[in-house]
Amino acid sequence: MNGFDVVGALLLFVPPSEGRLRVKRRVAVDATLERIGTFFGGGSALHAVSWLKHYLQMKCHVAVDNAEPLWITFAAVFNTRRAPHGAPHPAGAMSTGTVAAVSVSTSSRAVASSRATTARRTTRASSSPSSRLDRCCATRAVPSRVGSARTSGVGFASIPAPRRSTLTRGDDAYSGTDRSGATASALSAAGASSAFAVGVDAFFSFLGTALAALVAGFLALSAWRRNLGLLRPRLTLSKSPRIARLVDSCPALHRPLRPPLLLQTSLAQLIAYLLKRNLVPEARWTRETLTTGDGGEIALEWYECCDEDDVWNGLEGDGSVTASLPSDAPVMCVLHTLTGTAADFVVLAREATRRGFRPVVCLRRGHLDAPLRTPKFNLLGNCDDLDVHLEAIRMKFPTAKLFGYGESAGTGLAVRYSGEKGTRNPFTAVSCVCPGYDTTEGGAFSRFEPLLDRHLLASVKEMFLSANEELIRGFECAYVAPGYDELIAAPDMAELQRRLYGVEGYSSLAEYHERTNPMGTVRDIAVPMLVINSDDDPICAPSNVDDNLWAFEGDVDRALVRTPIGTHCCFYEGRTLRPRSSWAHEASLEFFESVLNEKG
């Protein structure tokens, strides 16, 4: 039977005084290796690749050079083909079962001693009848430098632990004068080891090949999708000539998306989205706190700069890139996500500032990193509160045009507010990224991907309920609606939405839907609107878009853009892994610029 060199080794660097511990560790690891070998292939030795052998040899050399105490167990199993007349083959007849278990003090004296021992064994073996055979065995079985593990072709191998923890100079198996039993046991182990070695080698070869093929295929497919334009957005325009002209002026809407090579799946982009605060620059914001008519607290977060700007450390200007903008520079009002804050929009704010816009995030109740002032909050925002936001902006920049940019839950407020205002809408144009459309029963809240639904549910409960438990419990008697215990026990986002109508300020669920559903006022929107949705969005499902395509019919200034990739509010672009920009940001800002530059 043809065998393979079976390599296995145990190196334990412990002080010489811990002899008992060394024995326990060696026996335990040898037993573990034996069980692993039996499990995989019935053998008792663990097959290793050649680099492991070189690594172990290197470790031995370092130990010798540093004069460190070394405990090493090694053995060898060679080709077990038999010679004619049933005699063992010289390469397989050596003491394959011999174990050299030596506690070595790797000093120069020990190295010299090991060389002398090698010479004595060679001389003793040459006097036996089978001198030629034993000379070969003695030369190959004992390393010239035990401490350095130089084996002259002999591989390391772990074998079943011997009955005695350590072999002494007087043992026959150590001296090589009586090795018939050890040789027979090792030869039998070699056969099993060969089968095990073949199986393990084939398994890891297949595993490596399959993994390499998958990676190469994924990278090739990703590059193919990018280069062949398969990620091009699809446009659905209303019958208005104006919206057609505006869209034609937006290059981003007519080119393929360029996601990073390793972020071309929904899951990969979603993970990057959850980690984006660690991937984007640190920013400086100025907060302006506002008070609503009922005593609630909201705020405006004005973007100043980020740590990639020269003004960050005072190298230029007064520490704000927006300070140099003219007073009539257009203001981009950002309406954030369900649990969003200003930190989620650093990349957008930086790009908007570069294009001449003044970014400001309109923080809703409960998003100020502070407890609620009143027992009222709104998942999708409140039109009366947005009026307070916009009035404060107008007082500060009375001649500036306002543009509304909404993401996810923020799109609901942008659409509802724009519809309620009609022709009196303070926004010049609106962009909605990943809207959920209908928020009534069976709508957007019922179509979240289950895993993300649980994540959002936990985040909403923590931000609005747990952080304000005492306040909400104290006002439960003020309305006939589910109280704190019922709210905190909601099993999913759809059920939580059903129970929140009381703390949102409505007397019934029907009134809540009537006053907050974005699709209830969408027909009355009178300003240009760009809507962006992704086919792989796990939050705002593509079925939401299909059910509400009627909103883009007729002579209205609306454009729907659907992309094959982008997941929820991501649309990342870049080279390899780190997102450098967002296609949705670029498309929205180009749309706003088209409206600004529109003639007549």
Foldseek 3Di string as FASTA:
>chain_A
DWFDKAADKDKDFDDPVPVVVVLVVLQVVQVVQQVVLCVQFNFSKHHDDPVVQVVVLVVLVVCLVVQTWMWMKFFIAHTFDQDPPRHTDLRLQALRLQIATDTARNDPVRLVVLQVLLVVLLVVLCPDPPNVSVNSNSVQGRDSGVSSPPRVPGHGIRGNQDPDSHDDPPDCSNSVNDRPVSSVVSSVSRVSVRRSNVRVVVVVVVVVVVVVVVVVVLLVVLVCCQVVQVFQKDKDFAPAPVLVLLLVLAVLNGGGFAAASVQFDQVQLVVCLVVVLVQDFAFDWDKDWDAAPVGWIWIKTWTFGTPVDCPCVPNDDPSGLCVPADLQFAEEEEQEAQQDDPSSCRQLQVVCVVVRYTYMYTGFGLNPPDAIPALAGDRLGDLRSVVRVVVVVCVRRVNYQYEYEYFESPVLNVLLNLLVCQVNDSHQEYEYELYQAFPAPPGQQVQADVVVQVVVLVSNCVRRQPRHVVNQVVCVVVAPFDGNVLLNPQPTRNSNLLRCCVNNPDRHSVVVSCNRRSNNRLLRRAHAYEYEEECQANRNHPVSCVVPVVSNYDNHRYMYIYTPDQYGPGQFHDYHRRGDHHSSSSSVSSSVVSSVPDDD
